[in-house]
Amino acid sequence: WPVVLPLGVLEYHGEHMAVGMDTLAVIKTVELIERERDIVILPPFYYGAASYAVAAPEGSGSVQVGGPALSPFAEELFYGLLRVGFRNIHAII
């Protein structure tokens, strides 16, 4: 079975939308896919590179975690999934 990791960020988009909406949209999309296909859904990962396109992080709720910090984590996560036996691994943004 494919294993799917929903990815997103905690990023402010304006007062009309929840912080974390990027990840919530991916989670819902993956759940819709699960209705039609056999997949394993991993817990979502909310931390990544925020763009600050709408507002600076101060007081907005956007959380930035850069690639140099995430890369070692991602390598360990995917290595762990391979060791468990998963060979069809997808990270969906």
PDB file of N, CA and C in Angstrom:
ATOM      1  N   TRP A   1       0.838  -1.191   0.000  1.00  0.00           N
ATOM      2  CA  TRP A   1       0.000   0.000   0.000  1.00  0.00           C
ATOM      3  C   TRP A   1       0.877   1.246   0.000  1.00  0.00           C
ATOM      4  N   PRO A   2       0.466   2.291  -0.697  1.00  0.00           N
ATOM      5  CA  PRO A   2       1.196   3.553  -0.621  1.00  0.00           C
ATOM      6  C   PRO A   2       1.042   4.177   0.763  1.00  0.00           C
ATOM      7  N   VAL A   3       2.073   4.881   1.203  1.00  0.00           N
ATOM      8  CA  VAL A   3       2.010   5.642   2.440  1.00  0.00           C
ATOM      9  C   VAL A   3       2.089   7.126   2.059  1.00  0.00           C
ATOM     10  N   VAL A   4       1.230   7.929   2.686  1.00  0.00           N
ATOM     11  CA  VAL A   4       1.122   9.342   2.327  1.00  0.00           C
ATOM     12  C   VAL A   4       1.378  10.209   3.554  1.00  0.00           C
ATOM     13  N   LEU A   5       2.254  11.200   3.389  1.00  0.00           N
ATOM     14  CA  LEU A   5       2.547  12.176   4.430  1.00  0.00           C
ATOM     15  C   LEU A   5       1.979  13.525   4.011  1.00  0.00           C
ATOM     16  N   PRO A   6       0.890  13.994   4.659  1.00  0.00           N
ATOM     17  CA  PRO A   6       0.368  15.330   4.355  1.00  0.00           C
ATOM     18  C   PRO A   6       1.321  16.402   4.908  1.00  0.00           C
ATOM     19  N   LEU A   7       1.745  17.318   4.041  1.00  0.00           N
ATOM     20  CA  LEU A   7       2.671  18.384   4.426  1.00  0.00           C
ATOM     21  C   LEU A   7       2.025  19.749   4.245  1.00  0.00           C
ATOM     22  N   GLY A   8       2.404  20.669   5.083  1.00  0.00           N
ATOM     23  CA  GLY A   8       1.943  22.041   4.953  1.00  0.00           C
ATOM     24  C   GLY A   8       2.747  22.936   5.863  1.00  0.00           C
ATOM     25  N   VAL A   9       2.224  24.111   6.109  1.00  0.00           N
ATOM     26  CA  VAL A   9       2.896  25.053   7.000  1.00  0.00           C
ATOM     27  C   VAL A   9       1.872  25.721   7.903  1.00  0.00           C
ATOM     28  N   LEU A  10       2.374  26.283   8.978  1.00  0.00           N
ATOM     29  CA  LEU A  10       1.552  27.153   9.825  1.00  0.00           C
ATOM     30  C   LEU A  10       1.812  28.563   9.330  1.00  0.00           C
ATOM     31  N   GLU A  11       0.889  29.076   8.525  1.00  0.00           N
ATOM     32  CA  GLU A  11       1.121  30.351   7.852  1.00  0.00           C
ATOM     33  C   GLU A  11      -0.156  31.176   7.821  1.00  0.00           C
ATOM     34  N   TYR A  12      -0.026  32.435   8.116  1.00  0.00           N
ATOM     35  CA  TYR A  12      -1.150  33.366   8.134  1.00  0.00           C
ATOM     36  C   TYR A  12      -1.554  33.727   6.708  1.00  0.00           C
ATOM     37  N   HIS A  13      -2.852  33.618   6.417  1.00  0.00           N
ATOM     38  CA  HIS A  13      -3.375  33.975   5.094  1.00  0.00           C
ATOM     39  C   HIS A  13      -4.352  35.134   5.164  1.00  0.00           C
ATOM     40  N   GLY A  14      -4.628  35.621   6.340  1.00  0.00           N
ATOM     41  CA  GLY A  14      -5.597  36.695   6.524  1.00  0.00           C
ATOM     42  C   GLY A  14      -6.612  36.258   7.565  1.00  0.00           C
ATOM     43  N   GLU A  15      -7.403  37.211   8.015  1.00  0.00           N
ATOM     44  CA  GLU A  15      -8.356  36.911   9.092  1.00  0.00           C
ATOM     45  C   GLU A  15      -9.490  35.979   8.657  1.00  0.00           C
ATOM     46  N   HIS A  16      -9.656  35.786   7.368  1.00  0.00           N
ATOM     47  CA  HIS A  16     -10.734  34.938   6.858  1.00  0.00           C
ATOM     48  C   HIS A  16     -10.384  33.451   6.863  1.00  0.00           C
ATOM     49  N   MET A  17      -9.122  33.115   7.165  1.00  0.00           N
ATOM     50  CA  MET A  17      -8.692  31.720   7.028  1.00  0.00           C
ATOM     51  C   MET A  17      -7.842  31.307   8.224  1.00  0.00           C
ATOM     52  N   ALA A  18      -7.983  30.079   8.650  1.00  0.00           N
ATOM     53  CA  ALA A  18      -7.239  29.573   9.813  1.00  0.00           C
ATOM     54  C   ALA A  18      -5.752  29.425   9.505  1.00  0.00           C
ATOM     55  N   VAL A  19      -4.915  29.732  10.508  1.00  0.00           N
ATOM     56  CA  VAL A  19      -3.498  29.407  10.396  1.00  0.00           C
ATOM     57  C   VAL A  19      -3.411  27.885  10.305  1.00  0.00           C
ATOM     58  N   GLY A  20      -2.631  27.400   9.360  1.00  0.00           N
ATOM     59  CA  GLY A  20      -2.541  25.958   9.153  1.00  0.00           C
ATOM     60  C   GLY A  20      -3.435  25.462   8.032  1.00  0.00           C
ATOM     61  N   MET A  21      -4.110  26.383   7.350  1.00  0.00           N
ATOM     62  CA  MET A  21      -5.036  26.000   6.279  1.00  0.00           C
ATOM     63  C   MET A  21      -4.346  25.203   5.175  1.00  0.00           C
ATOM     64  N   ASP A  22      -3.089  25.517   4.901  1.00  0.00           N
ATOM     65  CA  ASP A  22      -2.360  24.778   3.863  1.00  0.00           C
ATOM     66  C   ASP A  22      -2.349  23.284   4.173  1.00  0.00           C
ATOM     67  N   THR A  23      -2.086  22.941   5.410  1.00  0.00           N
ATOM     68  CA  THR A  23      -2.047  21.536   5.808  1.00  0.00           C
ATOM     69  C   THR A  23      -3.449  20.949   5.880  1.00  0.00           C
ATOM     70  N   LEU A  24      -4.399  21.714   6.388  1.00  0.00           N
ATOM     71  CA  LEU A  24      -5.778  21.214   6.478  1.00  0.00           C
ATOM     72  C   LEU A  24      -6.336  20.862   5.102  1.00  0.00           C
ATOM     73  N   ALA A  25      -6.008  21.651   4.084  1.00  0.00           N
ATOM     74  CA  ALA A  25      -6.477  21.360   2.722  1.00  0.00           C
ATOM     75  C   ALA A  25      -5.873  20.053   2.211  1.00  0.00           C
ATOM     76  N   VAL A  26      -4.600  19.815   2.513  1.00  0.00           N
ATOM     77  CA  VAL A  26      -3.957  18.569   2.092  1.00  0.00           C
ATOM     78  C   VAL A  26      -4.585  17.381   2.810  1.00  0.00           C
ATOM     79  N   ILE A  27      -4.825  17.532   4.108  1.00  0.00           N
ATOM     80  CA  ILE A  27      -5.424  16.440   4.884  1.00  0.00           C
ATOM     81  C   ILE A  27      -6.769  16.048   4.279  1.00  0.00           C
ATOM     82  N   LYS A  28      -7.614  17.010   3.987  1.00  0.00           N
ATOM     83  CA  LYS A  28      -8.932  16.725   3.413  1.00  0.00           C
ATOM     84  C   LYS A  28      -8.793  16.056   2.048  1.00  0.00           C
ATOM     85  N   THR A  29      -7.865  16.528   1.238  1.00  0.00           N
ATOM     86  CA  THR A  29      -7.646  15.936  -0.081  1.00  0.00           C
ATOM     87  C   THR A  29      -7.213  14.479   0.040  1.00  0.00           C
ATOM     88  N   VAL A  30      -6.292  14.207   0.964  1.00  0.00           N
ATOM     89  CA  VAL A  30      -5.819  12.840   1.174  1.00  0.00           C
ATOM     90  C   VAL A  30      -6.952  11.950   1.687  1.00  0.00           C
ATOM     91  N   GLU A  31      -7.803  12.491   2.547  1.00  0.00           N
ATOM     92  CA  GLU A  31      -8.953  11.719   3.028  1.00  0.00           C
ATOM     93  C   GLU A  31      -9.904  11.373   1.882  1.00  0.00           C
ATOM     94  N   LEU A  32     -10.072  12.275   0.934  1.00  0.00           N
ATOM     95  CA  LEU A  32     -10.915  11.985  -0.233  1.00  0.00           C
ATOM     96  C   LEU A  32     -10.289  10.893  -1.095  1.00  0.00           C
ATOM     97  N   ILE A  33      -8.974  10.939  -1.247  1.00  0.00           N
ATOM     98  CA  ILE A  33      -8.273   9.890  -2.001  1.00  0.00           C
ATOM     99  C   ILE A  33      -8.451   8.541  -1.317  1.00  0.00           C
ATOM    100  N   GLU A  34      -8.403   8.554   0.033  1.00  0.00           N
ATOM    101  CA  GLU A  34      -8.521   7.308   0.797  1.00  0.00           C
ATOM    102  C   GLU A  34      -9.874   6.635   0.563  1.00  0.00           C
ATOM    103  N   ARG A  35     -10.893   7.385   0.227  1.00  0.00           N
ATOM    104  CA  ARG A  35     -12.208   6.793  -0.062  1.00  0.00           C
ATOM    105  C   ARG A  35     -12.182   5.923  -1.309  1.00  0.00           C
ATOM    106  N   GLU A  36     -11.225   6.219  -2.215  1.00  0.00           N
ATOM    107  CA  GLU A  36     -11.172   5.512  -3.493  1.00  0.00           C
ATOM    108  C   GLU A  36      -9.990   4.551  -3.620  1.00  0.00           C
ATOM    109  N   ARG A  37      -8.987   4.720  -2.777  1.00  0.00           N
ATOM    110  CA  ARG A  37      -7.777   3.911  -2.880  1.00  0.00           C
ATOM    111  C   ARG A  37      -7.355   3.425  -1.496  1.00  0.00           C
ATOM    112  N   ASP A  38      -6.677   2.288  -1.480  1.00  0.00           N
ATOM    113  CA  ASP A  38      -6.085   1.798  -0.243  1.00  0.00           C
ATOM    114  C   ASP A  38      -4.766   2.531  -0.024  1.00  0.00           C
ATOM    115  N   ILE A  39      -4.710   3.369   1.007  1.00  0.00           N
ATOM    116  CA  ILE A  39      -3.490   4.087   1.350  1.00  0.00           C
ATOM    117  C   ILE A  39      -3.341   4.116   2.872  1.00  0.00           C
ATOM    118  N   VAL A  40      -2.119   4.338   3.310  1.00  0.00           N
ATOM    119  CA  VAL A  40      -1.827   4.568   4.718  1.00  0.00           C
ATOM    120  C   VAL A  40      -1.526   6.054   4.853  1.00  0.00           C
ATOM    121  N   ILE A  41      -2.256   6.740   5.731  1.00  0.00           N
ATOM    122  CA  ILE A  41      -2.047   8.169   5.930  1.00  0.00           C
ATOM    123  C   ILE A  41      -1.258   8.373   7.221  1.00  0.00           C
ATOM    124  N   LEU A  42      -0.107   9.002   7.087  1.00  0.00           N
ATOM    125  CA  LEU A  42       0.701   9.336   8.252  1.00  0.00           C
ATOM    126  C   LEU A  42       0.135  10.583   8.931  1.00  0.00           C
ATOM    127  N   PRO A  43       0.487  10.818  10.184  1.00  0.00           N
ATOM    128  CA  PRO A  43       0.071  12.066  10.823  1.00  0.00           C
ATOM    129  C   PRO A  43       0.627  13.250  10.036  1.00  0.00           C
ATOM    130  N   PRO A  44      -0.136  14.317   9.901  1.00  0.00           N
ATOM    131  CA  PRO A  44       0.326  15.467   9.118  1.00  0.00           C
ATOM    132  C   PRO A  44       1.521  16.164   9.757  1.00  0.00           C
ATOM    133  N   PHE A  45       2.308  16.814   8.905  1.00  0.00           N
ATOM    134  CA  PHE A  45       3.470  17.578   9.354  1.00  0.00           C
ATOM    135  C   PHE A  45       3.237  19.035   8.967  1.00  0.00           C
ATOM    136  N   TYR A  46       3.092  19.889   9.978  1.00  0.00           N
ATOM    137  CA  TYR A  46       2.690  21.281   9.774  1.00  0.00           C
ATOM    138  C   TYR A  46       3.844  22.269   9.657  1.00  0.00           C
ATOM    139  N   TYR A  47       5.076  21.826   9.743  1.00  0.00           N
ATOM    140  CA  TYR A  47       6.184  22.781   9.874  1.00  0.00           C
ATOM    141  C   TYR A  47       7.029  22.806   8.617  1.00  0.00           C
ATOM    142  N   GLY A  48       7.162  23.981   8.033  1.00  0.00           N
ATOM    143  CA  GLY A  48       7.955  24.128   6.822  1.00  0.00           C
ATOM    144  C   GLY A  48       8.273  25.583   6.582  1.00  0.00           C
ATOM    145  N   ALA A  49       8.597  25.891   5.353  1.00  0.00           N
ATOM    146  CA  ALA A  49       9.018  27.233   4.979  1.00  0.00           C
ATOM    147  C   ALA A  49       7.806  28.126   4.753  1.00  0.00           C
ATOM    148  N   ALA A  50       7.598  29.081   5.634  1.00  0.00           N
ATOM    149  CA  ALA A  50       6.515  30.057   5.490  1.00  0.00           C
ATOM    150  C   ALA A  50       6.977  31.169   4.555  1.00  0.00           C
ATOM    151  N   SER A  51       6.081  31.677   3.740  1.00  0.00           N
ATOM    152  CA  SER A  51       6.477  32.699   2.765  1.00  0.00           C
ATOM    153  C   SER A  51       6.380  34.123   3.299  1.00  0.00           C
ATOM    154  N   TYR A  52       5.563  34.349   4.310  1.00  0.00           N
ATOM    155  CA  TYR A  52       5.306  35.689   4.843  1.00  0.00           C
ATOM    156  C   TYR A  52       4.760  36.626   3.757  1.00  0.00           C
ATOM    157  N   ALA A  53       4.074  36.083   2.764  1.00  0.00           N
ATOM    158  CA  ALA A  53       3.537  36.893   1.670  1.00  0.00           C
ATOM    159  C   ALA A  53       2.435  37.822   2.150  1.00  0.00           C
ATOM    160  N   VAL A  54       1.673  37.435   3.161  1.00  0.00           N
ATOM    161  CA  VAL A  54       0.551  38.239   3.642  1.00  0.00           C
ATOM    162  C   VAL A  54       0.974  39.133   4.799  1.00  0.00           C
ATOM    163  N   ALA A  55       1.782  38.600   5.709  1.00  0.00           N
ATOM    164  CA  ALA A  55       2.178  39.373   6.893  1.00  0.00           C
ATOM    165  C   ALA A  55       3.471  38.811   7.475  1.00  0.00           C
ATOM    166  N   ALA A  56       4.193  39.672   8.165  1.00  0.00           N
ATOM    167  CA  ALA A  56       5.394  39.231   8.869  1.00  0.00           C
ATOM    168  C   ALA A  56       4.996  38.265   9.987  1.00  0.00           C
ATOM    169  N   PRO A  57       5.929  37.458  10.471  1.00  0.00           N
ATOM    170  CA  PRO A  57       5.569  36.457  11.471  1.00  0.00           C
ATOM    171  C   PRO A  57       5.158  37.048  12.819  1.00  0.00           C
ATOM    172  N   GLU A  58       5.654  38.213  13.167  1.00  0.00           N
ATOM    173  CA  GLU A  58       5.348  38.801  14.464  1.00  0.00           C
ATOM    174  C   GLU A  58       3.850  39.050  14.592  1.00  0.00           C
ATOM    175  N   GLY A  59       3.218  38.315  15.502  1.00  0.00           N
ATOM    176  CA  GLY A  59       1.803  38.499  15.773  1.00  0.00           C
ATOM    177  C   GLY A  59       0.854  37.859  14.785  1.00  0.00           C
ATOM    178  N   SER A  60       1.377  37.165  13.757  1.00  0.00           N
ATOM    179  CA  SER A  60       0.481  36.596  12.741  1.00  0.00           C
ATOM    180  C   SER A  60       0.221  35.108  12.929  1.00  0.00           C
ATOM    181  N   GLY A  61       1.121  34.425  13.603  1.00  0.00           N
ATOM    182  CA  GLY A  61       0.961  32.982  13.787  1.00  0.00           C
ATOM    183  C   GLY A  61       1.772  32.154  12.817  1.00  0.00           C
ATOM    184  N   SER A  62       2.404  32.785  11.811  1.00  0.00           N
ATOM    185  CA  SER A  62       3.226  32.035  10.871  1.00  0.00           C
ATOM    186  C   SER A  62       4.486  31.521  11.562  1.00  0.00           C
ATOM    187  N   VAL A  63       4.808  30.262  11.301  1.00  0.00           N
ATOM    188  CA  VAL A  63       5.980  29.633  11.901  1.00  0.00           C
ATOM    189  C   VAL A  63       6.890  29.158  10.775  1.00  0.00           C
ATOM    190  N   GLN A  64       8.110  29.629  10.755  1.00  0.00           N
ATOM    191  CA  GLN A  64       9.094  29.271   9.735  1.00  0.00           C
ATOM    192  C   GLN A  64      10.063  28.239  10.281  1.00  0.00           C
ATOM    193  N   VAL A  65      10.224  27.131   9.567  1.00  0.00           N
ATOM    194  CA  VAL A  65      11.275  26.157   9.859  1.00  0.00           C
ATOM    195  C   VAL A  65      11.985  25.916   8.528  1.00  0.00           C
ATOM    196  N   GLY A  66      13.253  26.248   8.467  1.00  0.00           N
ATOM    197  CA  GLY A  66      13.988  26.184   7.208  1.00  0.00           C
ATOM    198  C   GLY A  66      14.432  24.794   6.802  1.00  0.00           C
ATOM    199  N   GLY A  67      14.797  24.700   5.542  1.00  0.00           N
ATOM    200  CA  GLY A  67      15.247  23.444   4.963  1.00  0.00           C
ATOM    201  C   GLY A  67      16.416  22.791   5.670  1.00  0.00           C
ATOM    202  N   PRO A  68      17.431  23.565   6.095  1.00  0.00           N
ATOM    203  CA  PRO A  68      18.557  22.918   6.780  1.00  0.00           C
ATOM    204  C   PRO A  68      18.154  22.177   8.053  1.00  0.00           C
ATOM    205  N   ALA A  69      17.115  22.643   8.723  1.00  0.00           N
ATOM    206  CA  ALA A  69      16.635  21.948   9.925  1.00  0.00           C
ATOM    207  C   ALA A  69      15.743  20.763   9.567  1.00  0.00           C
ATOM    208  N   LEU A  70      14.973  20.907   8.494  1.00  0.00           N
ATOM    209  CA  LEU A  70      14.025  19.855   8.116  1.00  0.00           C
ATOM    210  C   LEU A  70      14.674  18.686   7.376  1.00  0.00           C
ATOM    211  N   SER A  71      15.724  18.955   6.640  1.00  0.00           N
ATOM    212  CA  SER A  71      16.345  17.915   5.818  1.00  0.00           C
ATOM    213  C   SER A  71      16.793  16.697   6.624  1.00  0.00           C
ATOM    214  N   PRO A  72      17.514  16.859   7.744  1.00  0.00           N
ATOM    215  CA  PRO A  72      17.896  15.661   8.521  1.00  0.00           C
ATOM    216  C   PRO A  72      16.688  14.899   9.055  1.00  0.00           C
ATOM    217  N   PHE A  73      15.647  15.625   9.472  1.00  0.00           N
ATOM    218  CA  PHE A  73      14.429  14.964   9.948  1.00  0.00           C
ATOM    219  C   PHE A  73      13.787  14.153   8.821  1.00  0.00           C
ATOM    220  N   ALA A  74      13.667  14.765   7.652  1.00  0.00           N
ATOM    221  CA  ALA A  74      13.040  14.079   6.514  1.00  0.00           C
ATOM    222  C   ALA A  74      13.825  12.826   6.131  1.00  0.00           C
ATOM    223  N   GLU A  75      15.141  12.931   6.121  1.00  0.00           N
ATOM    224  CA  GLU A  75      15.965  11.769   5.792  1.00  0.00           C
ATOM    225  C   GLU A  75      15.720  10.631   6.775  1.00  0.00           C
ATOM    226  N   GLU A  76      15.671  10.945   8.054  1.00  0.00           N
ATOM    227  CA  GLU A  76      15.430   9.921   9.071  1.00  0.00           C
ATOM    228  C   GLU A  76      14.024   9.338   8.953  1.00  0.00           C
ATOM    229  N   LEU A  77      13.038  10.194   8.703  1.00  0.00           N
ATOM    230  CA  LEU A  77      11.657   9.725   8.561  1.00  0.00           C
ATOM    231  C   LEU A  77      11.535   8.761   7.386  1.00  0.00           C
ATOM    232  N   PHE A  78      12.041   9.169   6.224  1.00  0.00           N
ATOM    233  CA  PHE A  78      11.904   8.313   5.046  1.00  0.00           C
ATOM    234  C   PHE A  78      12.747   7.046   5.168  1.00  0.00           C
ATOM    235  N   TYR A  79      13.906   7.143   5.791  1.00  0.00           N
ATOM    236  CA  TYR A  79      14.705   5.951   6.041  1.00  0.00           C
ATOM    237  C   TYR A  79      13.943   4.991   6.959  1.00  0.00           C
ATOM    238  N   GLY A  80      13.307   5.540   7.994  1.00  0.00           N
ATOM    239  CA  GLY A  80      12.509   4.713   8.893  1.00  0.00           C
ATOM    240  C   GLY A  80      11.350   4.037   8.175  1.00  0.00           C
ATOM    241  N   LEU A  81      10.696   4.750   7.285  1.00  0.00           N
ATOM    242  CA  LEU A  81       9.593   4.156   6.523  1.00  0.00           C
ATOM    243  C   LEU A  81      10.101   3.031   5.614  1.00  0.00           C
ATOM    244  N   LEU A  82      11.265   3.243   5.007  1.00  0.00           N
ATOM    245  CA  LEU A  82      11.847   2.190   4.178  1.00  0.00           C
ATOM    246  C   LEU A  82      12.188   0.960   5.013  1.00  0.00           C
ATOM    247  N   ARG A  83      12.720   1.181   6.208  1.00  0.00           N
ATOM    248  CA  ARG A  83      13.077   0.055   7.079  1.00  0.00           C
ATOM    249  C   ARG A  83      11.852  -0.741   7.504  1.00  0.00           C
ATOM    250  N   VAL A  84      10.715  -0.057   7.672  1.00  0.00           N
ATOM    251  CA  VAL A  84       9.478  -0.745   8.036  1.00  0.00           C
ATOM    252  C   VAL A  84       8.983  -1.593   6.871  1.00  0.00           C
ATOM    253  N   GLY A  85       9.326  -1.186   5.654  1.00  0.00           N
ATOM    254  CA  GLY A  85       8.916  -1.958   4.485  1.00  0.00           C
ATOM    255  C   GLY A  85       8.146  -1.165   3.449  1.00  0.00           C
ATOM    256  N   PHE A  86       7.865   0.093   3.715  1.00  0.00           N
ATOM    257  CA  PHE A  86       7.163   0.906   2.721  1.00  0.00           C
ATOM    258  C   PHE A  86       8.110   1.216   1.561  1.00  0.00           C
ATOM    259  N   ARG A  87       7.597   1.075   0.331  1.00  0.00           N
ATOM    260  CA  ARG A  87       8.375   1.380  -0.856  1.00  0.00           C
ATOM    261  C   ARG A  87       7.668   2.396  -1.760  1.00  0.00           C
ATOM    262  N   ASN A  88       6.425   2.671  -1.464  1.00  0.00           N
ATOM    263  CA  ASN A  88       5.627   3.598  -2.256  1.00  0.00           C
ATOM    264  C   ASN A  88       5.265   4.762  -1.335  1.00  0.00           C
ATOM    265  N   ILE A  89       6.188   5.737  -1.208  1.00  0.00           N
ATOM    266  CA  ILE A  89       6.078   6.805  -0.215  1.00  0.00           C
ATOM    267  C   ILE A  89       5.812   8.132  -0.924  1.00  0.00           C
ATOM    268  N   HIS A  90       4.805   8.849  -0.439  1.00  0.00           N
ATOM    269  CA  HIS A  90       4.440  10.130  -1.053  1.00  0.00           C
ATOM    270  C   HIS A  90       4.325  11.206   0.026  1.00  0.00           C
ATOM    271  N   ALA A  91       4.930  12.348  -0.220  1.00  0.00           N
ATOM    272  CA  ALA A  91       4.736  13.537   0.612  1.00  0.00           C
ATOM    273  C   ALA A  91       3.929  14.513  -0.238  1.00  0.00           C
ATOM    274  N   ILE A  92       2.754  14.886   0.219  1.00  0.00           N
ATOM    275  CA  ILE A  92       1.862  15.740  -0.568  1.00  0.00           C
ATOM    276  C   ILE A  92       1.771  17.109   0.088  1.00  0.00           C
ATOM    277  N   ILE A  93       2.052  18.141  -0.710  1.00  0.00           N
ATOM    278  CA  ILE A  93       2.027  19.517  -0.215  1.00  0.00           C
ATOM    279  C   ILE A  93       0.763  20.199  -0.730  1.00  0.00           C
TER     280      ILE A  93
END
